[in-house]
Structure formats: structure tokens, C-alpha cells
Amino acid sequence: MEKIEILKQTDLFKGLPLAFFPGVISLFEKMSYDKRETIFQEGDVGEDIYILGEGGVSIILNIPGVGEEEVAILHPYDFFGEMAIIDGDVRSATAIAHKGTELLRISRKDFLSLIDEKAPYATVILENIILKLSIRIRSTSDKLNMFYLMDMGV
């Protein structure tokens, strides 16, 4: 799949005009991963954000006292790794590829430059990230509450 098609379909750039895309394509590197290949590991330094073009990705969280738990399954055009773009901290989870996974990757440095250079679009992009983070936090919170209730025998 072509880079521009992936970029136009992702929620990361939802609401942006077509004129935005030609100027940013070169910032994204196409990556391929095999089934069960690790994209990044919990605790790794987070320096990139990813957009899923084909295949799937499982997000795995290590829950103390419980073990590893799949907290999300990502599908084409989902983006992930966004927390690293915001805070530059280590990865909070592990990302594992499903078979035939194709991703686009942009470094934190390039992403921040994009935000700076494309300032008129920055608000839309950052709102899209905030919305996705909110959805993911709520989903993870619901799952953790379920684990808590199961642990209590409810």
C-alpha cells in the first residue's frame, strides 16, 4: 500500500486537507514485520510513532501479579506509540506484529518538526492524538477494573 493512502486514512491526520499530505510523505519510513515480531518492548526508549498500513498489532501490558495481558488489537490505519511523541519517555507497553504487518514510522524529532513547520494543522493533529489517548485510557481503565473485580471474586 502506498504511503499517501495510509496517511490519508489514519485518524492521526483526520480532518486535514489533501494539500497537507505531499509535504510530509518523506518523513515516514515504511517498515515490515513478521508474525509475532516485536515492534517495541515495554521499557524501551520511545522515539517513534507508528501508523499501521496492513496486518495487525497487539499491545501487551505487563500487569504485576497477573502477567502479560493483551489490552488492544490494532487494525489498519490505527496509530500507536503516540505517548512517546508527547513525553519522550519509555514505552508503557509492548507492541507485537501479526502476520504481514506493514507500518509507517516517523521519529519524534521529525514529528515535532512537522508540527512546528505545519503550524496551521498542529491543533487538528494534537486534538486527534488527545482523542485517541482518551479512548485508550478509558478502555484500559475498564479492563483493569474488570481484572480487579475478578481478583476479588465478584
Protein backbone atom coordinates (compact mmCIF):
# COMPACT_ATOMS: atom_id res chain seq x y z
CA MET A 1 0.00 0.00 0.00
CA GLU A 2 1.25 3.49 -0.82
CA LYS A 3 2.35 5.79 1.99
CA ILE A 4 -0.06 8.55 1.00
CA GLU A 5 -3.05 6.21 1.15
CA ILE A 6 -2.14 5.13 4.68
CA LEU A 7 -1.59 8.73 5.80
CA LYS A 8 -4.92 9.87 4.33
CA GLN A 9 -6.81 7.06 6.11
CA THR A 10 -5.36 7.33 9.63
CA ASP A 11 -7.19 9.14 12.42
CA LEU A 12 -3.90 10.89 13.24
CA PHE A 13 -4.45 13.19 10.26
CA LYS A 14 -8.25 13.14 10.23
CA GLY A 15 -9.73 16.45 9.13
CA LEU A 16 -6.66 17.68 7.24
CA PRO A 17 -6.87 18.84 3.61
CA LEU A 18 -5.27 16.83 0.80
CA ALA A 19 -2.70 19.61 0.34
CA PHE A 20 -1.14 18.62 3.70
CA PHE A 21 -0.01 15.14 2.64
CA PRO A 22 2.53 15.58 -0.21
CA GLY A 23 4.79 17.67 2.02
CA VAL A 24 5.02 15.07 4.81
CA ILE A 25 5.30 11.73 2.98
CA SER A 26 9.10 11.77 3.00
CA LEU A 27 9.15 11.95 6.83
CA PHE A 28 7.66 8.46 7.10
CA GLU A 29 9.65 5.24 6.73
CA LYS A 30 7.91 2.06 5.61
CA MET A 31 8.56 -0.93 7.89
CA SER A 32 7.64 -4.64 7.58
CA TYR A 33 7.22 -7.12 10.43
CA ASP A 34 6.57 -10.86 10.53
CA LYS A 35 4.09 -12.65 12.77
CA ARG A 36 4.98 -12.35 16.48
CA GLU A 37 7.86 -9.97 15.75
CA THR A 38 8.36 -7.31 18.41
CA ILE A 39 7.96 -3.74 17.17
CA PHE A 40 8.90 -2.29 20.54
CA GLN A 41 9.17 -3.60 24.09
CA GLU A 42 7.76 -2.18 27.31
CA GLY A 43 10.56 -0.11 28.86
CA ASP A 44 12.27 0.73 25.54
CA VAL A 45 13.04 4.37 24.91
CA GLY A 46 10.13 5.71 22.87
CA GLU A 47 11.35 7.68 19.89
CA ASP A 48 8.83 6.90 17.14
CA ILE A 49 5.14 6.88 16.35
CA TYR A 50 3.69 4.25 14.02
CA ILE A 51 0.76 4.06 11.64
CA LEU A 52 -0.50 0.60 10.73
CA GLY A 53 -0.92 0.10 6.99
CA GLU A 54 -1.59 -3.65 6.72
CA GLY A 55 -1.87 -6.54 9.15
CA GLY A 56 -2.42 -6.07 12.85
CA VAL A 57 -0.63 -5.26 16.09
CA SER A 58 -1.26 -6.47 19.64
CA ILE A 59 -0.50 -4.12 22.50
CA ILE A 60 0.62 -6.12 25.54
CA LEU A 61 0.79 -4.74 29.05
CA ASN A 62 2.66 -6.44 31.89
CA ILE A 63 0.30 -6.30 34.88
CA PRO A 64 2.02 -7.00 38.20
CA GLY A 65 0.56 -10.07 39.88
CA VAL A 66 -1.39 -11.01 36.74
CA GLY A 67 1.18 -11.29 33.95
CA GLU A 68 1.01 -10.20 30.34
CA GLU A 69 -2.36 -9.05 29.06
CA GLU A 70 -3.36 -8.03 25.57
CA VAL A 71 -5.00 -4.64 26.12
CA ALA A 72 -5.57 -3.71 22.48
CA ILE A 73 -5.61 -5.15 18.99
CA LEU A 74 -4.84 -2.54 16.36
CA HIS A 75 -6.07 -2.60 12.78
CA PRO A 76 -5.07 -0.88 9.55
CA TYR A 77 -4.80 2.92 9.82
CA ASP A 78 -4.58 2.87 13.63
CA PHE A 79 -1.65 4.82 15.03
CA PHE A 80 0.31 3.92 18.14
CA GLY A 81 3.38 4.93 20.10
CA GLU A 82 1.92 8.42 20.46
CA MET A 83 2.80 8.71 24.15
CA ALA A 84 6.49 8.70 23.19
CA ILE A 85 5.87 11.63 20.87
CA ILE A 86 4.33 13.61 23.70
CA ASP A 87 6.60 12.86 26.64
CA GLY A 88 9.73 11.21 25.22
CA ASP A 89 9.54 8.61 27.99
CA VAL A 90 9.96 4.82 27.81
CA ARG A 91 7.33 2.58 26.24
CA SER A 92 4.47 1.71 28.59
CA ALA A 93 3.59 -1.49 26.71
CA THR A 94 4.92 -3.97 24.15
CA ALA A 95 3.76 -3.97 20.51
CA ILE A 96 3.75 -7.32 18.68
CA ALA A 97 3.04 -7.70 14.96
CA HIS A 98 0.51 -10.07 13.46
CA LYS A 99 1.33 -11.71 10.13
CA GLY A 100 2.07 -9.49 7.16
CA THR A 101 2.28 -6.25 9.11
CA GLU A 102 3.28 -3.08 7.27
CA LEU A 103 3.80 0.15 9.19
CA LEU A 104 4.82 3.71 8.62
CA ARG A 105 7.21 5.13 11.20
CA ILE A 106 8.08 8.72 11.99
CA SER A 107 10.63 9.78 14.57
CA ARG A 108 9.72 12.05 17.47
CA LYS A 109 12.14 14.65 16.12
CA ASP A 110 10.55 14.62 12.65
CA PHE A 111 7.04 14.62 14.10
CA LEU A 112 7.78 17.64 16.27
CA SER A 113 9.32 19.39 13.26
CA LEU A 114 6.20 18.58 11.26
CA ILE A 115 4.05 20.16 13.99
CA ASP A 116 6.29 23.23 14.00
CA GLU A 117 6.51 23.60 10.22
CA LYS A 118 2.83 22.83 9.60
CA ALA A 119 1.59 25.00 12.46
CA PRO A 120 -1.84 25.69 10.90
CA TYR A 121 -2.53 21.93 11.12
CA ALA A 122 -0.93 21.32 14.52
CA THR A 123 -4.12 21.88 16.52
CA VAL A 124 -6.04 19.29 14.49
CA ILE A 125 -3.24 16.71 14.76
CA LEU A 126 -2.83 17.23 18.51
CA GLU A 127 -6.61 17.06 19.06
CA ASN A 128 -6.62 13.74 17.17
CA ILE A 129 -3.86 12.40 19.46
CA ILE A 130 -5.67 13.60 22.60
CA LEU A 131 -8.91 11.96 21.48
CA LYS A 132 -7.14 8.65 20.79
CA LEU A 133 -5.33 8.80 24.15
CA SER A 134 -8.60 9.42 25.95
CA ILE A 135 -10.28 6.47 24.24
CA ARG A 136 -7.35 4.20 25.06
CA ILE A 137 -7.12 5.30 28.69
CA ARG A 138 -10.83 4.65 29.19
CA SER A 139 -10.58 1.23 27.57
CA THR A 140 -7.53 0.25 29.64
CA SER A 141 -9.21 1.52 32.81
CA ASP A 142 -12.27 -0.61 32.08
CA LYS A 143 -10.07 -3.69 31.56
CA LEU A 144 -8.10 -3.06 34.74
CA ASN A 145 -11.34 -2.65 36.70
CA MET A 146 -12.50 -5.99 35.29
CA PHE A 147 -9.24 -7.64 36.47
CA TYR A 148 -9.68 -6.08 39.89
CA LEU A 149 -13.23 -7.37 40.20
CA MET A 150 -12.19 -10.84 39.01
CA ASP A 151 -9.39 -10.86 41.58
CA MET A 152 -11.89 -10.01 44.33
CA GLY A 153 -14.17 -12.83 43.21
CA VAL A 154 -17.01 -10.54 42.19
